[in-house]
Each structure stands twice: as C-alpha cells, then as structure tokens.
Amino acid sequence: MLHYQKGPYRVMMANDGAIKVKYGDILGVYSMAIYGNPWTFWVFARVNRQKKLIGIKDFNLIYTGETLYHLPTLITSLQRPRVSRITFTKDDVVRVKRENGPPNMPDYRKKQIVKDFLKNRHKLTNEQLGKVDSIMGWVSNAAGIIDVLGTLGVVGGGLGTAAGFAGLPLFAISTAYALYDASRFDRTLYQMLCVAYTYTAWVFGDTPPTQSKRYIRATDFKWRITEYHTLWQQTRDKVLKGLHKKINEKKLNEKDVRLVIRFFLAGDNKQTLMKKVLQDFIKGLSGKPSSHVSAARGLLNYTYAE
C-alpha cells in the first residue's frame, strides 16, 4: 500500500494506484495529499460497468465504495506485471488522460476550485467564502491559502476561534505568562501591550511601535522608563523573530499569512486584531489576583500604537 499525506489530507492506494473511495472523500483531498493542491484532477480515473477505464467527467462526483485509479501509479504498475493484476493497458491510460483534458489550467479556474474545496470539504459559509475571495487576488499561491487557513485554525480546527486570531503569537503570550511576577505585574502588562502592538504592526505591514506613550505617561514609576524601553525592545524583537521562525517551520508564505489574518480574520481592522490578542492573554489570567485581571482588562481601552 502507498500512503500520501499533506497536513490533514491523506490518501491510501494500492500498488497499482487503486483507491477505494470512503464516505466523505472528494478528489480535492486526494490531490492535496499527493500534489499539495486541490486541482490536479486529470490524473484520476474510474472503471465503468464494462470494467473499462474511463475519465471522470464531473470531478465533484465520486461515490462511496467505488474504486478510482491514480494514473501515474497505474502506469508504473503496468511496467511491473508482478505488481499489477489488472487488465488495463498503457493505451487505456493514455486514452483516459486525453479524455480528462490538458493539465494546463488558468489561474482563475484554480482559485475557483480552491473556493469550492473550502466550501465542500470545510463547510465555509458564503460570508466566509466572500472573505476568501477578497484576498484571493493577492495571495502568491492559490493552494497556499488552504495551508494558511489550516495553520491559523480557520479550517480543520473550528471557524473564527481564538487560535485563528492569535495562533502565531501564542509563543510570545506564553513567554509573558512565564515571566509573570505578582510583585512586578506592571512589566507583564507592558510586555503584553508590546506583543499586541508588534503583532498587529507585522500583520498590517507597519513599523512596530517603539513604546506605548500612554502607558508610560500613566505609570507612577518615572524612574523605570529606561527599564521599560529595554523591556519593550527585547519583547518586540522576540515576537518578530518568533513569527518568522514559526512561518518557516510551517513552510508558509509570509505574505499569504499576513493577508489571511488581516482581511479574513481581523476584518482589515487593526484595533480588532490588537484587542483579540489582549483578550486571549486576559483569558489566561484565570486564577490570578483579581486586581491583576482588572488591570489587564484596562489595556482593552488602549488604541493601537497609543
């Protein structure tokens, strides 16, 4: 048996390319697992009632229990008779590939297939698909948007979840939790403002703020200003380095990640994104002193980069 997988998408096939369709399967999943995109349909075929290999005219219609064939694997098996027990010939495969049409596909068609895949596989609503459509013209790779949405928890892990907004900076928020000091909670609050501001600036392509003037003005400890500046710089650098590291680990396109967060998740609103990051942090303060929770909630009154 051969096993192909990319992220949550997987397919098992026999050594001759035979795939037994399971309930809920769509061709886009097989294509994602093997090729990393949902539109490589022309490499699949089915068998009719006369046991003849034929093309798949409607790529959206495959049936539970039927057997499909992955043509490249089938061709390989035909070159090794001991592997294959089927009666198809190489001419059959060539004929079916011709029936399925040329592999060249215009970009607009690929983008439509991505939208159909997100709707059929992940049940995105028309409103959500509209948001996807609004950024589709900007992404570097139409198929890449599926990987980004999956990483951010928009598909596969629930729609519009907290992780969908703040999944990437969670490492920074965790760091802030680790630095939690009941006697110096002012430092933790300042770090969280830095995380929220820096993350929002990164998503929207702004230069990250170098401080929170409002927080500095409000502090009772003016002699700590230098300490606060150093703390801000260290936290900001850690957030940016961490974001780049996470994106590289996931092998995502940074531009695509920013576009999805900005237009699909944050509604193209900086204040919305900043507050969501702060809200996630506040949720993590459960069990901490009520005065600290109240002080953290006070950050929600801040305006981005204030």
Protein backbone atom coordinates (compact mmCIF):
# COMPACT_ATOMS: atom_id res chain seq x y z
CA MET A 1 0.00 0.00 0.00
CA LEU A 2 1.08 3.55 -0.72
CA HIS A 3 0.37 6.37 1.69
CA TYR A 4 0.35 10.07 0.77
CA GLN A 5 -0.26 12.86 3.26
CA LYS A 6 -0.01 16.63 3.47
CA GLY A 7 -1.21 18.06 6.74
CA PRO A 8 -4.72 16.72 7.48
CA TYR A 9 -5.20 15.42 3.93
CA ARG A 10 -4.30 11.79 3.26
CA VAL A 11 -4.97 9.01 0.81
CA MET A 12 -4.13 5.31 0.74
CA MET A 13 -3.80 3.48 -2.54
CA ALA A 14 -2.80 0.03 -3.69
CA ASN A 15 0.47 -0.50 -5.55
CA ASP A 16 -1.46 -0.41 -8.82
CA GLY A 17 -2.95 3.01 -7.98
CA ALA A 18 -6.36 1.74 -6.87
CA ILE A 19 -8.14 3.98 -4.35
CA LYS A 20 -11.23 2.77 -2.52
CA VAL A 21 -13.47 5.79 -2.00
CA LYS A 22 -14.58 6.29 1.59
CA TYR A 23 -17.56 8.25 2.85
CA GLY A 24 -16.84 11.99 2.75
CA ASP A 25 -13.97 11.71 0.27
CA ILE A 26 -13.58 14.23 -2.53
CA LEU A 27 -10.99 14.29 -5.30
CA GLY A 28 -9.60 17.54 -3.92
CA VAL A 29 -8.42 15.70 -0.80
CA TYR A 30 -6.55 13.11 -2.87
CA SER A 31 -4.99 15.88 -4.93
CA MET A 32 -3.99 17.85 -1.80
CA ALA A 33 -2.40 14.77 -0.24
CA ILE A 34 -0.37 13.89 -3.35
CA TYR A 35 0.32 17.23 -5.04
CA GLY A 36 -0.30 19.91 -2.40
CA ASN A 37 -3.16 21.49 -4.37
CA PRO A 38 -6.85 20.60 -4.85
CA TRP A 39 -7.00 20.89 -8.64
CA THR A 40 -4.83 18.06 -10.06
CA PHE A 41 -7.88 16.02 -11.11
CA TRP A 42 -6.85 14.78 -14.53
CA VAL A 43 -4.57 12.08 -13.06
CA PHE A 44 -7.54 10.12 -11.69
CA ALA A 45 -9.87 7.71 -13.48
CA ARG A 46 -12.72 5.31 -12.67
CA VAL A 47 -13.96 1.97 -14.01
CA ASN A 48 -17.35 1.68 -15.71
CA ARG A 49 -19.75 -1.29 -15.64
CA GLN A 50 -17.95 -2.87 -18.57
CA LYS A 51 -14.75 -2.85 -16.49
CA LYS A 52 -13.33 -0.24 -18.80
CA LEU A 53 -11.09 2.56 -17.57
CA ILE A 54 -12.74 5.93 -18.20
CA GLY A 55 -12.19 9.55 -17.31
CA ILE A 56 -14.05 11.37 -14.56
CA LYS A 57 -16.32 13.89 -16.27
CA ASP A 58 -17.57 15.61 -13.10
CA PHE A 59 -14.72 15.87 -10.65
CA ASN A 60 -17.15 16.76 -7.86
CA LEU A 61 -18.92 13.40 -8.14
CA ILE A 62 -17.22 10.32 -6.73
CA TYR A 63 -19.09 7.63 -4.86
CA THR A 64 -18.51 5.80 -1.60
CA GLY A 65 -17.31 2.29 -2.30
CA GLU A 66 -16.19 2.79 -5.90
CA THR A 67 -12.59 2.26 -6.96
CA LEU A 68 -10.66 5.06 -8.61
CA TYR A 69 -7.19 4.85 -10.10
CA HIS A 70 -4.24 7.20 -9.84
CA LEU A 71 -2.93 7.09 -13.40
CA PRO A 72 0.81 7.74 -12.78
CA THR A 73 0.91 4.90 -10.24
CA LEU A 74 -1.11 2.68 -12.59
CA ILE A 75 1.38 3.28 -15.40
CA THR A 76 4.26 2.35 -13.11
CA SER A 77 2.50 -0.85 -12.07
CA LEU A 78 1.89 -1.82 -15.71
CA GLN A 79 5.64 -1.78 -16.22
CA ARG A 80 5.93 -4.33 -13.41
CA PRO A 81 3.49 -7.18 -14.22
CA ARG A 82 4.11 -8.92 -10.91
CA VAL A 83 2.71 -5.90 -9.08
CA SER A 84 -0.44 -5.47 -11.12
CA ARG A 85 -3.22 -7.99 -11.67
CA ILE A 86 -5.48 -5.65 -13.61
CA THR A 87 -6.24 -5.90 -17.30
CA PHE A 88 -5.73 -2.26 -18.27
CA THR A 89 -3.05 -1.35 -20.77
CA LYS A 90 -0.87 1.70 -21.22
CA ASP A 91 -3.05 2.67 -24.21
CA ASP A 92 -6.05 2.74 -21.86
CA VAL A 93 -4.26 5.16 -19.60
CA VAL A 94 -3.21 7.41 -22.49
CA ARG A 95 -6.78 7.46 -23.78
CA VAL A 96 -8.21 8.41 -20.38
CA LYS A 97 -5.65 11.16 -19.86
CA ARG A 98 -6.74 12.58 -23.20
CA GLU A 99 -10.39 12.39 -22.11
CA ASN A 100 -9.65 14.16 -18.86
CA GLY A 101 -8.25 17.11 -20.76
CA PRO A 102 -4.97 19.03 -20.69
CA PRO A 103 -3.25 19.62 -17.34
CA ASN A 104 -2.79 23.34 -18.03
CA MET A 105 -5.33 25.31 -16.03
CA PRO A 106 -5.79 29.11 -15.87
CA ASP A 107 -5.33 30.83 -12.52
CA TYR A 108 -8.96 31.93 -12.28
CA ARG A 109 -10.04 28.28 -12.51
CA LYS A 110 -7.59 27.22 -9.81
CA LYS A 111 -8.90 29.92 -7.49
CA GLN A 112 -12.48 28.78 -8.07
CA ILE A 113 -11.50 25.19 -7.28
CA VAL A 114 -9.87 26.34 -4.03
CA LYS A 115 -13.11 28.09 -3.04
CA ASP A 116 -15.15 25.00 -3.95
CA PHE A 117 -12.77 22.85 -1.93
CA LEU A 118 -13.08 25.07 1.14
CA LYS A 119 -16.87 25.03 0.79
CA ASN A 120 -17.29 21.30 0.18
CA ARG A 121 -14.59 19.97 2.48
CA HIS A 122 -14.58 22.53 5.28
CA LYS A 123 -18.14 23.86 5.03
CA LEU A 124 -17.21 27.53 4.88
CA THR A 125 -20.25 29.80 4.68
CA ASN A 126 -20.93 32.20 1.84
CA GLU A 127 -19.80 35.08 4.05
CA GLN A 128 -16.52 33.33 4.82
CA LEU A 129 -16.03 32.42 1.17
CA GLY A 130 -16.55 36.07 0.33
CA LYS A 131 -13.67 36.96 2.62
CA VAL A 132 -11.52 34.33 0.96
CA ASP A 133 -12.46 35.75 -2.42
CA SER A 134 -11.43 39.24 -1.31
CA ILE A 135 -7.84 38.15 -0.74
CA MET A 136 -7.54 35.54 -3.48
CA GLY A 137 -6.19 38.05 -5.96
CA TRP A 138 -3.33 38.96 -3.64
CA VAL A 139 -2.01 35.60 -2.47
CA SER A 140 1.17 34.23 -4.02
CA ASN A 141 -0.28 30.73 -4.43
CA ALA A 142 -3.98 29.89 -4.55
CA ALA A 143 -3.43 26.50 -2.90
CA GLY A 144 -1.26 28.07 -0.21
CA ILE A 145 -4.28 29.79 1.29
CA ILE A 146 -5.58 26.37 2.37
CA ASP A 147 -2.39 25.71 4.33
CA VAL A 148 -2.55 29.14 5.94
CA LEU A 149 -6.20 28.77 6.94
CA GLY A 150 -5.42 25.37 8.43
CA THR A 151 -2.43 26.62 10.41
CA LEU A 152 -4.44 29.52 11.83
CA GLY A 153 -7.25 27.20 12.90
CA VAL A 154 -9.82 28.60 10.49
CA VAL A 155 -10.36 25.24 8.77
CA GLY A 156 -9.95 21.91 10.45
CA GLY A 157 -9.85 23.43 13.92
CA GLY A 158 -13.01 25.47 14.02
CA LEU A 159 -14.03 28.71 12.40
CA GLY A 160 -13.08 32.02 13.89
CA THR A 161 -11.58 30.50 17.04
CA ALA A 162 -9.23 32.35 19.36
CA ALA A 163 -6.36 30.39 17.85
CA GLY A 164 -7.47 31.65 14.47
CA PHE A 165 -6.65 35.20 15.51
CA ALA A 166 -3.68 34.70 17.77
CA GLY A 167 -2.29 31.29 16.89
CA LEU A 168 1.06 32.63 15.72
CA PRO A 169 1.89 34.89 18.70
CA LEU A 170 0.86 32.34 21.33
CA PHE A 171 4.53 31.60 21.91
CA ALA A 172 5.03 35.25 22.92
CA ILE A 173 1.95 35.23 25.15
CA SER A 174 3.25 32.06 26.78
CA THR A 175 6.52 33.82 27.41
CA ALA A 176 4.67 36.63 29.13
CA TYR A 177 2.90 34.10 31.33
CA ALA A 178 6.27 32.56 32.21
CA LEU A 179 7.54 36.00 33.22
CA TYR A 180 4.51 36.62 35.41
CA ASP A 181 5.61 38.30 38.63
CA ALA A 182 2.96 39.28 41.15
CA SER A 183 5.22 42.00 42.55
CA ARG A 184 6.04 43.43 39.10
CA PHE A 185 2.87 42.90 37.14
CA ASP A 186 3.46 46.27 35.51
CA ARG A 187 6.23 44.62 33.47
CA THR A 188 3.93 41.85 32.31
CA LEU A 189 1.28 44.36 31.24
CA TYR A 190 3.81 46.37 29.28
CA GLN A 191 5.04 43.22 27.57
CA MET A 192 1.53 42.31 26.55
CA LEU A 193 0.95 45.72 25.01
CA CYS A 194 4.19 45.22 23.11
CA VAL A 195 3.08 41.78 21.89
CA ALA A 196 -0.30 43.11 20.74
CA TYR A 197 1.16 46.20 19.05
CA THR A 198 4.05 44.37 17.40
CA TYR A 199 1.90 41.52 16.10
CA THR A 200 -0.68 43.94 14.70
CA ALA A 201 2.03 46.06 13.06
CA TRP A 202 3.55 42.97 11.47
CA VAL A 203 0.21 41.81 10.06
CA PHE A 204 -0.58 45.23 8.57
CA GLY A 205 2.94 45.94 7.33
CA ASP A 206 3.55 48.83 9.74
CA THR A 207 6.80 49.67 11.50
CA PRO A 208 6.41 48.22 15.03
CA PRO A 209 5.92 50.94 17.67
CA THR A 210 8.91 51.56 19.92
CA GLN A 211 6.86 52.14 23.07
CA SER A 212 3.41 52.83 24.47
CA LYS A 213 3.41 56.52 25.30
CA ARG A 214 0.07 56.26 27.07
CA TYR A 215 1.32 53.51 29.38
CA ILE A 216 4.50 55.45 30.14
CA ARG A 217 2.51 58.58 30.96
CA ALA A 218 0.25 56.63 33.29
CA THR A 219 2.99 54.90 35.28
CA ASP A 220 3.81 56.06 38.78
CA PHE A 221 7.41 54.98 38.41
CA LYS A 222 9.02 57.52 36.09
CA TRP A 223 12.45 56.26 37.04
CA ARG A 224 11.60 52.96 35.36
CA ILE A 225 11.21 54.47 31.89
CA THR A 226 14.64 53.25 30.75
CA GLU A 227 13.82 49.79 32.05
CA TYR A 228 10.53 49.84 30.18
CA HIS A 229 12.22 50.86 26.93
CA THR A 230 14.67 47.97 27.18
CA LEU A 231 11.88 45.54 28.04
CA TRP A 232 9.86 46.72 25.04
CA GLN A 233 12.75 46.32 22.61
CA GLN A 234 13.53 42.81 23.87
CA THR A 235 9.90 41.71 23.67
CA ARG A 236 9.38 43.25 20.22
CA ASP A 237 12.47 41.51 18.82
CA LYS A 238 11.38 38.22 20.34
CA VAL A 239 7.93 38.48 18.76
CA LEU A 240 9.27 39.26 15.28
CA LYS A 241 11.92 36.54 15.38
CA GLY A 242 9.37 34.07 16.70
CA LEU A 243 6.89 34.89 13.92
CA HIS A 244 9.49 34.35 11.21
CA LYS A 245 10.59 31.10 12.83
CA LYS A 246 7.05 29.76 13.11
CA ILE A 247 6.26 30.60 9.49
CA ASN A 248 9.45 28.93 8.26
CA GLU A 249 8.72 25.84 10.36
CA LYS A 250 5.27 25.56 8.79
CA LYS A 251 6.72 26.29 5.32
CA LEU A 252 4.16 29.01 4.72
CA ASN A 253 4.39 32.16 2.65
CA GLU A 254 4.67 35.15 4.99
CA LYS A 255 2.73 37.44 2.68
CA ASP A 256 -0.15 34.96 2.49
CA VAL A 257 -0.25 34.59 6.28
CA ARG A 258 -0.48 38.32 6.78
CA LEU A 259 -3.20 38.67 4.15
CA VAL A 260 -5.36 35.95 5.69
CA ILE A 261 -5.07 37.39 9.19
CA ARG A 262 -5.63 40.95 8.02
CA PHE A 263 -8.62 40.52 5.74
CA PHE A 264 -10.16 37.21 6.70
CA LEU A 265 -9.68 37.17 10.47
CA ALA A 266 -9.24 40.78 11.54
CA GLY A 267 -11.67 42.31 9.08
CA ASP A 268 -8.93 44.72 7.94
CA ASN A 269 -9.15 46.42 11.35
CA LYS A 270 -6.03 46.96 13.45
CA GLN A 271 -7.95 47.64 16.62
CA THR A 272 -9.88 44.37 16.30
CA LEU A 273 -6.71 42.33 15.99
CA MET A 274 -4.90 44.11 18.82
CA LYS A 275 -7.82 43.63 21.20
CA LYS A 276 -8.19 39.97 20.28
CA VAL A 277 -4.57 39.27 21.24
CA LEU A 278 -5.07 41.09 24.55
CA GLN A 279 -8.32 39.21 25.21
CA ASP A 280 -6.53 35.89 24.72
CA PHE A 281 -3.93 36.96 27.26
CA ILE A 282 -6.59 38.03 29.76
CA LYS A 283 -8.29 34.64 29.47
CA GLY A 284 -5.02 33.05 30.53
CA LEU A 285 -5.01 35.04 33.78
CA SER A 286 -7.76 32.87 35.23
CA GLY A 287 -6.86 32.14 38.85
CA LYS A 288 -4.58 35.16 39.19
CA PRO A 289 -5.37 38.02 41.61
CA SER A 290 -8.50 39.91 40.61
CA SER A 291 -6.59 43.19 40.70
CA HIS A 292 -4.27 41.87 38.01
CA VAL A 293 -7.16 40.69 35.84
CA SER A 294 -8.80 44.09 36.21
CA ALA A 295 -5.56 45.89 35.30
CA ALA A 296 -5.16 43.69 32.24
CA ARG A 297 -8.71 44.46 31.13
CA GLY A 298 -7.79 48.12 31.30
CA LEU A 299 -5.48 47.54 28.32
CA LEU A 300 -8.56 46.94 26.16
CA ASN A 301 -9.22 50.69 26.40
CA TYR A 302 -5.99 51.41 24.57
CA THR A 303 -5.96 52.36 20.91
CA TYR A 304 -3.50 50.62 18.62
CA ALA A 305 0.01 52.11 18.88
CA GLU A 306 -1.15 54.58 21.53
